[in-house]
Amino acid sequence: MWTGKSGGAAAARDQFAALLPVRERVLGVEHPDTLGTRHELALWTGMAGGAAAARDQFATLLPVRERVLGVEHPDTLDTRHELACWARRAD
């Protein structure tokens, strides 16, 4: 995250992309921390210029977060918010 905030959006995206399969293997694909990594990957994908890809990643993540965490969980609401933002940017 700090890599991205310091101006390295593509580097942050790549770091989260490398972290995701490790988290999936160690924690499981539906562990909240794994879902958080997916959220950050989608965010930094968008920040690196991939608005449509970010939209698609958030769209895929949202139903999983709804099922695992609940529709009113703050993390689920954050994913729903980001999906709306990136959908707007992708159009």
C-alpha atoms as a PDB file:
ATOM      1  CA  MET A   1       0.000   0.000   0.000  1.00  0.00           C
ATOM      2  CA  TRP A   2       2.728   2.495   0.895  1.00  0.00           C
ATOM      3  CA  THR A   3       4.469   1.750  -2.371  1.00  0.00           C
ATOM      4  CA  GLY A   4       1.357   2.899  -4.187  1.00  0.00           C
ATOM      5  CA  LYS A   5       0.806   5.922  -1.973  1.00  0.00           C
ATOM      6  CA  SER A   6       4.344   7.064  -2.648  1.00  0.00           C
ATOM      7  CA  GLY A   7       3.671   7.115  -6.388  1.00  0.00           C
ATOM      8  CA  GLY A   8       4.317   3.529  -7.403  1.00  0.00           C
ATOM      9  CA  ALA A   9       0.818   2.353  -8.344  1.00  0.00           C
ATOM     10  CA  ALA A  10       2.065  -0.258 -10.821  1.00  0.00           C
ATOM     11  CA  ALA A  11       4.620  -1.561  -8.321  1.00  0.00           C
ATOM     12  CA  ALA A  12       1.925  -1.812  -5.621  1.00  0.00           C
ATOM     13  CA  ARG A  13      -0.325  -3.680  -8.058  1.00  0.00           C
ATOM     14  CA  ASP A  14       2.486  -6.104  -8.844  1.00  0.00           C
ATOM     15  CA  GLN A  15       3.278  -6.642  -5.156  1.00  0.00           C
ATOM     16  CA  PHE A  16      -0.346  -7.449  -4.349  1.00  0.00           C
ATOM     17  CA  ALA A  17      -0.520  -9.726  -7.397  1.00  0.00           C
ATOM     18  CA  ALA A  18       2.498 -11.635  -6.069  1.00  0.00           C
ATOM     19  CA  LEU A  19       1.057 -11.785  -2.545  1.00  0.00           C
ATOM     20  CA  LEU A  20      -2.392 -13.067  -3.555  1.00  0.00           C
ATOM     21  CA  PRO A  21      -1.485 -16.678  -4.467  1.00  0.00           C
ATOM     22  CA  VAL A  22       0.538 -16.997  -1.262  1.00  0.00           C
ATOM     23  CA  ARG A  23      -2.367 -15.791   0.859  1.00  0.00           C
ATOM     24  CA  GLU A  24      -4.751 -18.102  -1.013  1.00  0.00           C
ATOM     25  CA  ARG A  25      -2.476 -21.072  -0.389  1.00  0.00           C
ATOM     26  CA  VAL A  26      -1.714 -20.306   3.261  1.00  0.00           C
ATOM     27  CA  LEU A  27      -4.999 -18.785   4.477  1.00  0.00           C
ATOM     28  CA  GLY A  28      -7.549 -19.986   1.922  1.00  0.00           C
ATOM     29  CA  VAL A  29      -9.354 -18.186  -0.857  1.00  0.00           C
ATOM     30  CA  GLU A  30     -12.157 -16.850   1.364  1.00  0.00           C
ATOM     31  CA  HIS A  31     -10.131 -15.773   4.387  1.00  0.00           C
ATOM     32  CA  PRO A  32     -10.806 -12.106   5.183  1.00  0.00           C
ATOM     33  CA  ASP A  33      -7.115 -11.222   4.759  1.00  0.00           C
ATOM     34  CA  THR A  34      -7.072 -12.894   1.338  1.00  0.00           C
ATOM     35  CA  LEU A  35     -10.169 -10.934   0.370  1.00  0.00           C
ATOM     36  CA  GLY A  36      -8.427  -7.783   1.573  1.00  0.00           C
ATOM     37  CA  THR A  37      -5.502  -8.551  -0.689  1.00  0.00           C
ATOM     38  CA  ARG A  38      -7.882  -8.998  -3.621  1.00  0.00           C
ATOM     39  CA  HIS A  39      -9.435  -5.635  -2.780  1.00  0.00           C
ATOM     40  CA  GLU A  40      -6.027  -3.918  -2.728  1.00  0.00           C
ATOM     41  CA  LEU A  41      -5.017  -5.623  -5.970  1.00  0.00           C
ATOM     42  CA  ALA A  42      -8.154  -4.304  -7.658  1.00  0.00           C
ATOM     43  CA  LEU A  43      -7.604  -0.825  -6.249  1.00  0.00           C
ATOM     44  CA  TRP A  44      -3.986  -0.570  -7.381  1.00  0.00           C
ATOM     45  CA  THR A  45      -4.866  -2.113 -10.734  1.00  0.00           C
ATOM     46  CA  GLY A  46      -7.184   0.821 -11.237  1.00  0.00           C
ATOM     47  CA  MET A  47      -4.714   3.349  -9.909  1.00  0.00           C
ATOM     48  CA  ALA A  48      -2.120   2.003 -12.349  1.00  0.00           C
ATOM     49  CA  GLY A  49      -4.418   2.805 -15.262  1.00  0.00           C
ATOM     50  CA  GLY A  50      -6.588  -0.282 -15.519  1.00  0.00           C
ATOM     51  CA  ALA A  51     -10.018   1.141 -14.719  1.00  0.00           C
ATOM     52  CA  ALA A  52     -11.958  -1.577 -16.550  1.00  0.00           C
ATOM     53  CA  ALA A  53      -9.859  -4.336 -14.980  1.00  0.00           C
ATOM     54  CA  ALA A  54     -10.363  -2.802 -11.525  1.00  0.00           C
ATOM     55  CA  ARG A  55     -14.121  -2.635 -12.125  1.00  0.00           C
ATOM     56  CA  ASP A  56     -14.155  -6.291 -13.137  1.00  0.00           C
ATOM     57  CA  GLN A  57     -12.053  -7.375 -10.150  1.00  0.00           C
ATOM     58  CA  PHE A  58     -14.323  -5.497  -7.715  1.00  0.00           C
ATOM     59  CA  ALA A  59     -17.396  -6.975  -9.427  1.00  0.00           C
ATOM     60  CA  THR A  60     -15.995 -10.469  -8.899  1.00  0.00           C
ATOM     61  CA  LEU A  61     -14.971  -9.748  -5.300  1.00  0.00           C
ATOM     62  CA  LEU A  62     -18.246  -8.173  -4.143  1.00  0.00           C
ATOM     63  CA  PRO A  63     -20.442 -11.298  -4.039  1.00  0.00           C
ATOM     64  CA  VAL A  64     -17.714 -13.204  -2.197  1.00  0.00           C
ATOM     65  CA  ARG A  65     -17.406 -10.489   0.446  1.00  0.00           C
ATOM     66  CA  GLU A  66     -21.207 -10.346   0.744  1.00  0.00           C
ATOM     67  CA  ARG A  67     -21.384 -14.095   1.330  1.00  0.00           C
ATOM     68  CA  VAL A  68     -18.378 -14.363   3.655  1.00  0.00           C
ATOM     69  CA  LEU A  69     -18.639 -11.117   5.627  1.00  0.00           C
ATOM     70  CA  GLY A  70     -22.258 -10.056   5.142  1.00  0.00           C
ATOM     71  CA  VAL A  71     -23.845  -7.349   3.034  1.00  0.00           C
ATOM     72  CA  GLU A  72     -23.461  -4.644   5.687  1.00  0.00           C
ATOM     73  CA  HIS A  73     -19.894  -5.378   6.782  1.00  0.00           C
ATOM     74  CA  PRO A  74     -17.656  -2.299   6.385  1.00  0.00           C
ATOM     75  CA  ASP A  75     -15.276  -4.166   4.059  1.00  0.00           C
ATOM     76  CA  THR A  76     -18.178  -5.264   1.860  1.00  0.00           C
ATOM     77  CA  LEU A  77     -19.487  -1.710   1.714  1.00  0.00           C
ATOM     78  CA  ASP A  78     -16.012  -0.466   0.800  1.00  0.00           C
ATOM     79  CA  THR A  79     -15.853  -2.962  -2.065  1.00  0.00           C
ATOM     80  CA  ARG A  80     -19.301  -1.885  -3.255  1.00  0.00           C
ATOM     81  CA  HIS A  81     -18.171   1.755  -3.157  1.00  0.00           C
ATOM     82  CA  GLU A  82     -14.991   1.021  -5.127  1.00  0.00           C
ATOM     83  CA  LEU A  83     -16.970  -0.969  -7.697  1.00  0.00           C
ATOM     84  CA  ALA A  84     -19.202   2.044  -8.307  1.00  0.00           C
ATOM     85  CA  CYS A  85     -16.219   4.399  -8.569  1.00  0.00           C
ATOM     86  CA  TRP A  86     -14.282   2.209 -10.986  1.00  0.00           C
ATOM     87  CA  ALA A  87     -17.394   1.469 -13.048  1.00  0.00           C
ATOM     88  CA  ARG A  88     -17.779   5.202 -13.548  1.00  0.00           C
ATOM     89  CA  ARG A  89     -14.115   5.615 -14.493  1.00  0.00           C
ATOM     90  CA  ALA A  90     -14.209   2.667 -16.889  1.00  0.00           C
ATOM     91  CA  ASP A  91     -17.091   4.095 -18.922  1.00  0.00           C
END
